[in-house]
Every structure is written in C-alpha cells, then in structure tokens.
Amino acid sequence: MPVIEGHTWRPEDVTLHLAPARPRLVGRAEKEALIASGTSYGFLLERESEPSDVQEQAYADSLARSGERLGIQLASLAAHLAASGQPVTLLSLPRGGLPVGAVLLRLLRRAGTDTEHHAISVIRGVGLDLGALDTVLASRLVASLVFVDGWTGKGSVRATLRSSLSGHPAQGTPLLVLSDPANVAELAATREDQLLPHAALNATVSGLLSRTFLVPGQTAHAALAWTHLAHLDRTPAYLDALEAAALAARPGPLAPRLSFGPLPEALRLAAPYSGHDPHKIKPSVGEATRVFLRRIPSALLVRDASDPEVAHLLALAAGEHVPVHVVPALPYRALAVAR
C-alpha cells in the first residue's frame, strides 16, 4: 500500500493501514448541510485549523491534572493484557485510540509480551476496513486481537464493529478503552466519564493524521497528514509523558461492566434541547469536545459547571455563543447537541 506522506508516527510505535487519497474538502456549514441531506460524513473532510488557545490550555491542564490517573489506567490495562502470557495484537482506531495503543505497545513489550500495534479505521455508519484487518490476520492470530479506542460516548463505534464483524473470523474481538461511560466496552480502565488530554486536540496529538475518510471507488480507508500543523505537533512528547506516568504507576483492577448503561437517561434529559432527535445528541466530555471542534453545536449540557473536566467546554461555548444548561441528573459529565 502507498504510504501517507508527512505524518509523524514512528514505525516502532504503530503500523498504519491507511491509504493516501484526496478527500472531498468542505467547510463546516457545507458539511452540516450535506450530513443533514443524508451524505455520510465518512466521505467528507474539513481542513483542520491550528488548535485554539482554549484547546491548548485544555490539553495542558488535563495532562497535568490527570497524568497520574492515566498512568494507573494504562498500567492496569497493560497488566491485564500481559497476564495471559499470550501474544497481543492491538488494533487502534484512528485517531482517538492511537495514543492509547502506542503506549500500551511500549508497556507490553517492556513486559516481554509478543505485541504488535496496527491502526485500522472504522467509520460510524459505514464500517470497519476489513481489508486492513485481513492484512493483519495474515500474520497474527485472531485470538490475539484487541480493538483500542480512547473513550466511548453513545457506543456507536462498538455497534459498528459488531455489525462489520458479523460472520467474520474476528467476530467477538473485544474493545478496550480508557474511559467507557457508555458501558459498552469489554475492557475499560474506568466506566467514569473523563476528559483525555488528546480529546482536546486533533491531529497534533495523533501524528498529524486527519480523521479517516473514504473516496468513491476505493475500498481502503484513507487519511492524510495535516503537514501545515507540523510546528504544533505534540505526539512524541505526549506518548513519552503517558509512558512515564504508566511506568511510575502500580496497576489495579479493571472497571467491571455495569448492569445498565446511561444512554437512555441522557437521551431523555437532552430531548428538549435536540428536538427529540437522538442523532444530534453527543454524550460524554470527549464527544462533546469533538462537537465543538468538528460540528456546529446548538446546546451544551453539563452536570456540574464547576467541574474542571468541563471548563474548556464552557469556554468554547462562550466563544461560540452556545447556550449552556446545567443538568445535575445528567449521567455523563457533559453532552453536546449538534445543530
């Protein structure tokens, strides 16, 4: 496969199964109109701008505030994967899963576990890049596979994986995440809603890669490198910081699955602000952040306006004149409504 030029991922940290391609570049308003008319967002890409001061501050604050906690969570996930003594093949979902997978790879290799790390795209509503998955399976056992993402919101990615893998040998491959407030992942460090530092940024903490996309006539999922952001790339420093935090941590148990998920209650509480359209509702602090970075938000709901995990959302909402509603019963820390 031809390689994507200009990204900053090191080959020892991940193997990218992403094709270079020219996407359909659109502005945000045009993207919203096309999505509303039924066009899959998987065929659309918006040029990524430099992170704002609010984003950069949110990243720095989150890393300083939660670095120790993230270290414990990463160490716990690595210890769980290493415990069986069997090979591990990490399949990170670009872009939110890539930093998590890269650090887990380093930790597992330090522990002597036969580990590989591959980036394989999944696009909600479209599916998983099965060609890329089959390439990995040509040299790795299906029993070693683990999908890796950063956080969950509604659980749409997990549902897309299940649908894509129906009848495939990799059916049943578990999903591993750091933060699983949707309560859908098989392996999670926490079921609490938490802000991951890289949720506050985009390409500049994921090797300058764009969001993955599709182009007509090509089955392989694609990406490009936003090389105009190279001077702002935080990827190597971020990985090193997370690895150091994990090496200094003592692993603990993973979070058990809950008996119920929070989504129905979140949808009910957000319905008055979304016109009762569940597709507009994006729960979790990570997904709410993504709405402000990629979509046009019409409302922000937070459980506690004094919570430092949502401070950046309040600042982004103020900057875009988006109404904020404090809903103490909200089962997520935050929830954004897309226009």
Protein backbone atom coordinates (compact mmCIF):
# COMPACT_ATOMS: atom_id res chain seq x y z
CA MET A 1 0.00 0.00 0.00
CA PRO A 2 1.32 3.51 -0.78
CA VAL A 3 2.26 5.47 2.32
CA ILE A 4 0.84 8.72 3.68
CA GLU A 5 3.49 11.38 3.43
CA GLY A 6 4.21 13.78 6.26
CA HIS A 7 2.78 12.04 9.33
CA THR A 8 4.94 11.80 12.44
CA TRP A 9 4.11 8.32 13.71
CA ARG A 10 7.25 6.25 14.21
CA PRO A 11 7.19 2.75 12.68
CA GLU A 12 8.22 1.27 16.02
CA ASP A 13 5.08 2.74 17.61
CA VAL A 14 2.44 1.71 15.04
CA THR A 15 1.86 0.24 11.58
CA LEU A 16 -0.65 2.35 9.69
CA HIS A 17 -3.16 0.56 7.45
CA LEU A 18 -4.43 3.75 5.85
CA ALA A 19 -4.33 4.70 2.18
CA PRO A 20 -3.29 8.13 0.91
CA ALA A 21 -6.10 9.83 -1.01
CA ARG A 22 -7.56 13.19 -1.94
CA PRO A 23 -10.74 13.73 0.07
CA ARG A 24 -13.69 15.96 -0.60
CA LEU A 25 -12.77 19.03 1.44
CA VAL A 26 -15.73 21.00 2.71
CA GLY A 27 -16.37 23.88 5.08
CA ARG A 28 -18.22 23.24 8.32
CA ALA A 29 -21.53 24.73 7.22
CA GLU A 30 -21.45 22.79 3.95
CA LYS A 31 -20.58 19.61 5.85
CA GLU A 32 -23.55 20.07 8.17
CA ALA A 33 -25.88 20.60 5.22
CA LEU A 34 -24.59 17.50 3.43
CA ILE A 35 -24.88 15.36 6.56
CA ALA A 36 -28.43 16.63 7.08
CA SER A 37 -29.26 15.65 3.49
CA GLY A 38 -28.06 12.09 4.04
CA THR A 39 -24.44 12.19 2.88
CA SER A 40 -22.18 10.06 5.09
CA TYR A 41 -19.62 12.12 6.96
CA GLY A 42 -17.16 9.37 6.01
CA PHE A 43 -16.88 10.90 2.53
CA LEU A 44 -16.31 14.45 3.80
CA LEU A 45 -13.29 16.09 5.39
CA GLU A 46 -12.87 19.57 6.82
CA ARG A 47 -9.44 21.18 6.72
CA GLU A 48 -8.08 21.20 10.24
CA SER A 49 -7.15 24.55 11.73
CA GLU A 50 -4.50 25.30 14.31
CA PRO A 51 -5.70 24.45 17.83
CA SER A 52 -7.13 27.44 19.66
CA ASP A 53 -5.71 28.78 22.89
CA VAL A 54 -8.64 27.14 24.69
CA GLN A 55 -7.77 23.75 23.21
CA GLU A 56 -4.06 24.05 24.01
CA GLN A 57 -4.85 25.08 27.58
CA ALA A 58 -7.36 22.25 27.96
CA TYR A 59 -4.75 19.75 26.77
CA ALA A 60 -2.07 21.05 29.12
CA ASP A 61 -4.44 21.31 32.10
CA SER A 62 -5.86 17.83 31.51
CA LEU A 63 -2.42 16.24 31.26
CA ALA A 64 -1.26 17.97 34.43
CA ARG A 65 -4.47 17.19 36.32
CA SER A 66 -4.96 13.58 35.25
CA GLY A 67 -1.49 12.35 34.26
CA GLU A 68 -1.10 10.18 37.36
CA ARG A 69 -4.61 8.76 36.93
CA LEU A 70 -3.99 7.99 33.26
CA GLY A 71 -0.73 6.29 34.17
CA ILE A 72 -2.55 3.97 36.56
CA GLN A 73 -5.21 3.24 33.96
CA LEU A 74 -2.69 2.45 31.22
CA ALA A 75 -0.59 0.31 33.55
CA SER A 76 -3.72 -1.60 34.60
CA LEU A 77 -4.79 -2.27 31.02
CA ALA A 78 -1.27 -3.40 30.06
CA ALA A 79 -1.04 -5.69 33.08
CA HIS A 80 -4.39 -7.26 32.21
CA LEU A 81 -3.34 -7.92 28.61
CA ALA A 82 0.03 -9.31 29.66
CA ALA A 83 -1.38 -11.62 32.33
CA SER A 84 -2.33 -14.42 29.93
CA GLY A 85 1.21 -14.73 28.59
CA GLN A 86 -0.17 -14.90 25.05
CA PRO A 87 0.61 -12.62 22.07
CA VAL A 88 -1.35 -9.38 21.82
CA THR A 89 -2.27 -7.54 18.62
CA LEU A 90 -3.53 -4.03 19.30
CA LEU A 91 -5.87 -2.64 16.63
CA SER A 92 -6.16 1.06 17.37
CA LEU A 93 -8.99 3.08 15.88
CA PRO A 94 -7.70 6.37 14.46
CA ARG A 95 -7.45 8.86 15.88
CA GLY A 96 -8.61 8.60 19.50
CA GLY A 97 -7.22 5.11 20.01
CA LEU A 98 -3.77 5.66 18.55
CA PRO A 99 -2.02 7.29 21.54
CA VAL A 100 -3.53 4.66 23.85
CA GLY A 101 -2.40 1.80 21.64
CA ALA A 102 1.10 3.21 21.18
CA VAL A 103 1.69 3.49 24.91
CA LEU A 104 0.23 0.03 25.57
CA LEU A 105 2.59 -1.37 22.93
CA ARG A 106 5.59 0.12 24.74
CA LEU A 107 4.41 -1.19 28.11
CA LEU A 108 3.66 -4.69 26.84
CA ARG A 109 6.98 -5.00 25.06
CA ARG A 110 8.73 -3.93 28.25
CA ALA A 111 6.87 -6.78 29.96
CA GLY A 112 8.16 -9.24 27.35
CA THR A 113 4.81 -9.77 25.63
CA ASP A 114 4.81 -10.51 21.91
CA THR A 115 2.90 -7.41 20.81
CA GLU A 116 2.14 -5.60 17.57
CA HIS A 117 0.23 -2.35 17.12
CA HIS A 118 -1.77 -1.60 13.98
CA ALA A 119 -4.02 1.33 13.05
CA ILE A 120 -7.26 0.23 11.38
CA SER A 121 -10.05 2.64 10.53
CA VAL A 122 -13.67 2.33 11.46
CA ILE A 123 -16.21 4.87 10.23
CA ARG A 124 -19.50 5.03 12.07
CA GLY A 125 -22.39 4.15 9.83
CA VAL A 126 -20.04 2.71 7.21
CA GLY A 127 -17.99 0.04 8.92
CA LEU A 128 -14.53 -1.33 9.62
CA ASP A 129 -11.80 -1.54 6.98
CA LEU A 130 -11.98 -5.32 6.65
CA GLY A 131 -9.23 -5.42 4.02
CA ALA A 132 -6.83 -3.87 6.53
CA LEU A 133 -7.96 -6.33 9.20
CA ASP A 134 -7.37 -9.29 6.89
CA THR A 135 -3.86 -7.99 6.18
CA VAL A 136 -3.11 -8.12 9.91
CA LEU A 137 -4.64 -11.58 10.22
CA ALA A 138 -2.27 -12.90 7.55
CA SER A 139 0.46 -12.89 10.21
CA ARG A 140 -1.33 -12.66 13.58
CA LEU A 141 -3.73 -14.99 15.37
CA VAL A 142 -7.33 -13.88 15.65
CA ALA A 143 -7.28 -14.76 19.36
CA SER A 144 -4.62 -12.08 19.92
CA LEU A 145 -6.71 -9.19 18.57
CA VAL A 146 -7.90 -6.30 20.73
CA PHE A 147 -9.53 -3.14 19.36
CA VAL A 148 -8.34 0.03 21.11
CA ASP A 149 -10.06 3.39 21.43
CA GLY A 150 -9.80 6.30 23.82
CA TRP A 151 -13.32 6.77 25.13
CA THR A 152 -16.96 5.99 24.38
CA GLY A 153 -19.98 8.25 24.02
CA LYS A 154 -23.13 6.53 22.81
CA GLY A 155 -21.31 3.32 21.95
CA SER A 156 -21.76 3.81 18.20
CA VAL A 157 -18.23 2.67 17.37
CA ARG A 158 -18.73 -0.57 19.32
CA ALA A 159 -22.00 -1.17 17.48
CA THR A 160 -20.31 -0.53 14.12
CA LEU A 161 -17.54 -3.00 14.96
CA ARG A 162 -20.08 -5.68 15.88
CA SER A 163 -22.03 -5.11 12.68
CA SER A 164 -18.90 -5.13 10.48
CA LEU A 165 -17.56 -8.33 12.04
CA SER A 166 -20.77 -10.36 11.88
CA GLY A 167 -19.76 -13.71 10.40
CA HIS A 168 -16.07 -12.72 10.22
CA PRO A 169 -13.40 -14.83 11.99
CA ALA A 170 -12.64 -11.79 14.18
CA GLN A 171 -16.24 -11.61 15.41
CA GLY A 172 -16.17 -11.19 19.18
CA THR A 173 -12.87 -9.30 19.31
CA PRO A 174 -13.02 -7.18 22.47
CA LEU A 175 -12.91 -3.40 22.57
CA LEU A 176 -10.52 -1.80 25.07
CA VAL A 177 -10.82 1.85 26.11
CA LEU A 178 -9.51 4.08 28.86
CA SER A 179 -12.87 5.71 29.62
CA ASP A 180 -16.16 3.91 28.96
CA PRO A 181 -19.06 5.99 30.27
CA ALA A 182 -21.36 4.30 27.73
CA ASN A 183 -20.67 0.94 29.43
CA VAL A 184 -20.20 -0.91 26.12
CA ALA A 185 -16.51 -1.89 26.05
CA GLU A 186 -15.39 -5.33 27.15
CA LEU A 187 -12.21 -3.91 28.70
CA ALA A 188 -12.12 -0.48 30.33
CA ALA A 189 -9.88 1.22 32.86
CA THR A 190 -12.88 3.20 34.13
CA ARG A 191 -16.59 3.49 33.39
CA GLU A 192 -16.47 7.12 34.51
CA ASP A 193 -16.75 9.94 32.01
CA GLN A 194 -13.36 11.66 31.90
CA LEU A 195 -11.52 14.04 29.60
CA LEU A 196 -8.48 12.50 27.93
CA PRO A 197 -5.88 15.14 27.05
CA HIS A 198 -5.84 14.15 23.39
CA ALA A 199 -9.60 14.69 23.11
CA ALA A 200 -8.89 18.41 23.39
CA LEU A 201 -6.72 18.35 20.28
CA ASN A 202 -6.92 16.54 16.95
CA ALA A 203 -4.07 15.83 14.54
CA THR A 204 -1.39 17.40 16.72
CA VAL A 205 -1.59 14.54 19.24
CA SER A 206 -2.09 11.82 16.62
CA GLY A 207 0.93 12.09 14.37
CA LEU A 208 -0.64 14.88 12.25
CA LEU A 209 -3.14 12.39 10.77
CA SER A 210 -6.52 13.61 9.61
CA ARG A 211 -9.73 11.89 10.51
CA THR A 212 -10.09 8.82 8.31
CA PHE A 213 -12.35 9.04 5.26
CA LEU A 214 -13.49 7.24 2.13
CA VAL A 215 -13.26 8.20 -1.52
CA PRO A 216 -15.58 6.84 -4.23
CA GLY A 217 -14.23 3.77 -5.99
CA GLN A 218 -11.71 2.92 -3.25
CA THR A 219 -12.44 0.35 -0.54
CA ALA A 220 -9.41 1.07 1.64
CA HIS A 221 -10.00 3.70 4.30
CA ALA A 222 -7.80 6.74 3.81
CA ALA A 223 -6.19 9.60 5.70
CA LEU A 224 -3.84 12.45 5.01
CA ALA A 225 -1.28 14.31 7.06
CA TRP A 226 -2.02 17.90 8.03
CA THR A 227 1.58 18.99 7.48
CA HIS A 228 0.70 22.66 7.97
CA LEU A 229 0.38 21.81 11.69
CA ALA A 230 3.83 20.19 11.99
CA HIS A 231 5.20 23.02 14.13
CA LEU A 232 2.49 22.29 16.72
CA ASP A 233 2.87 18.51 16.86
CA ARG A 234 2.66 17.21 20.44
CA THR A 235 2.60 13.49 19.61
CA PRO A 236 6.10 12.35 20.70
CA ALA A 237 6.01 14.37 23.92
CA TYR A 238 2.50 13.14 24.74
CA LEU A 239 3.41 9.48 24.27
CA ASP A 240 6.53 9.90 26.39
CA ALA A 241 4.55 11.61 29.17
CA LEU A 242 1.92 8.87 29.27
CA GLU A 243 4.54 6.12 29.18
CA ALA A 244 6.46 7.70 32.06
CA ALA A 245 3.27 8.04 34.10
CA ALA A 246 2.38 4.39 33.46
CA LEU A 247 5.85 3.15 34.39
CA ALA A 248 5.61 5.01 37.69
CA ALA A 249 2.16 3.57 38.48
CA ARG A 250 1.01 0.48 40.28
CA PRO A 251 -1.57 -1.47 38.20
CA GLY A 252 -5.01 -2.06 39.60
CA PRO A 253 -8.13 -3.99 38.55
CA LEU A 254 -10.11 -3.00 35.50
CA ALA A 255 -13.55 -1.50 35.88
CA PRO A 256 -16.38 -4.06 35.89
CA ARG A 257 -19.25 -3.77 33.45
CA LEU A 258 -22.30 -2.08 34.95
CA SER A 259 -25.72 -3.69 34.91
CA PHE A 260 -27.15 -0.84 32.84
CA GLY A 261 -25.95 1.96 30.59
CA PRO A 262 -26.53 5.71 30.94
CA LEU A 263 -27.58 6.45 27.37
CA PRO A 264 -31.39 6.20 27.70
CA GLU A 265 -31.43 8.66 30.59
CA ALA A 266 -29.05 11.02 28.77
CA LEU A 267 -31.24 10.97 25.67
CA ARG A 268 -34.32 11.68 27.78
CA LEU A 269 -32.72 14.65 29.53
CA ALA A 270 -31.34 16.07 26.27
CA ALA A 271 -34.52 15.61 24.24
CA PRO A 272 -35.92 19.11 24.95
CA TYR A 273 -32.73 20.67 23.57
CA SER A 274 -32.42 18.41 20.50
CA GLY A 275 -35.94 18.47 19.13
CA HIS A 276 -36.19 14.83 20.29
CA ASP A 277 -33.68 13.82 17.58
CA PRO A 278 -31.26 11.32 19.19
CA HIS A 279 -28.81 11.63 16.27
CA LYS A 280 -28.00 15.19 17.35
CA ILE A 281 -27.10 14.15 20.90
CA LYS A 282 -23.40 13.54 21.61
CA PRO A 283 -22.82 12.43 25.21
CA SER A 284 -19.53 12.29 27.13
CA VAL A 285 -16.99 15.02 27.69
CA GLY A 286 -14.87 13.63 24.84
CA GLU A 287 -17.70 13.56 22.30
CA ALA A 288 -18.97 16.96 23.42
CA THR A 289 -15.50 18.35 22.78
CA ARG A 290 -15.49 16.80 19.32
CA VAL A 291 -18.78 18.54 18.51
CA PHE A 292 -17.18 21.92 19.20
CA LEU A 293 -14.12 21.02 17.12
CA ARG A 294 -15.88 19.42 14.14
CA ARG A 295 -19.57 20.28 14.11
CA ILE A 296 -21.85 23.24 14.82
CA PRO A 297 -23.21 22.90 18.38
CA SER A 298 -26.61 24.23 19.36
CA ALA A 299 -26.55 23.44 23.08
CA LEU A 300 -24.23 22.20 25.82
CA LEU A 301 -25.40 20.28 28.87
CA VAL A 302 -23.09 19.81 31.87
CA ARG A 303 -23.65 18.04 35.15
CA ASP A 304 -21.57 20.47 37.21
CA ALA A 305 -20.36 23.82 35.89
CA SER A 306 -17.56 23.90 38.48
CA ASP A 307 -16.07 20.60 37.27
CA PRO A 308 -12.57 21.25 35.84
CA GLU A 309 -13.13 18.46 33.29
CA VAL A 310 -15.70 20.64 31.51
CA ALA A 311 -14.05 24.06 31.89
CA HIS A 312 -12.83 24.04 28.29
CA LEU A 313 -16.34 23.23 27.07
CA LEU A 314 -17.75 26.21 28.91
CA ALA A 315 -15.06 28.41 27.35
CA LEU A 316 -15.74 27.04 23.87
CA ALA A 317 -19.48 27.53 24.36
CA ALA A 318 -18.96 31.13 25.47
CA GLY A 319 -16.78 31.81 22.45
CA GLU A 320 -19.43 30.47 20.07
CA HIS A 321 -22.45 31.86 21.98
CA VAL A 322 -23.81 28.35 22.58
CA PRO A 323 -26.34 28.13 25.43
CA VAL A 324 -25.24 26.10 28.45
CA HIS A 325 -27.66 24.15 30.62
CA VAL A 326 -26.66 22.71 33.99
CA VAL A 327 -28.43 19.38 34.48
CA PRO A 328 -27.35 17.80 37.81
CA ALA A 329 -29.00 14.47 36.96
CA LEU A 330 -27.01 14.08 33.73
CA PRO A 331 -25.32 10.64 33.81
CA TYR A 332 -22.36 11.96 31.79
CA ARG A 333 -20.13 14.87 32.74
CA ALA A 334 -21.20 16.69 29.57
CA LEU A 335 -23.32 16.33 26.47
CA ALA A 336 -23.40 18.46 23.34
CA VAL A 337 -26.23 18.82 20.88
CA ALA A 338 -25.23 19.23 17.24
CA ARG A 339 -27.26 21.63 15.15
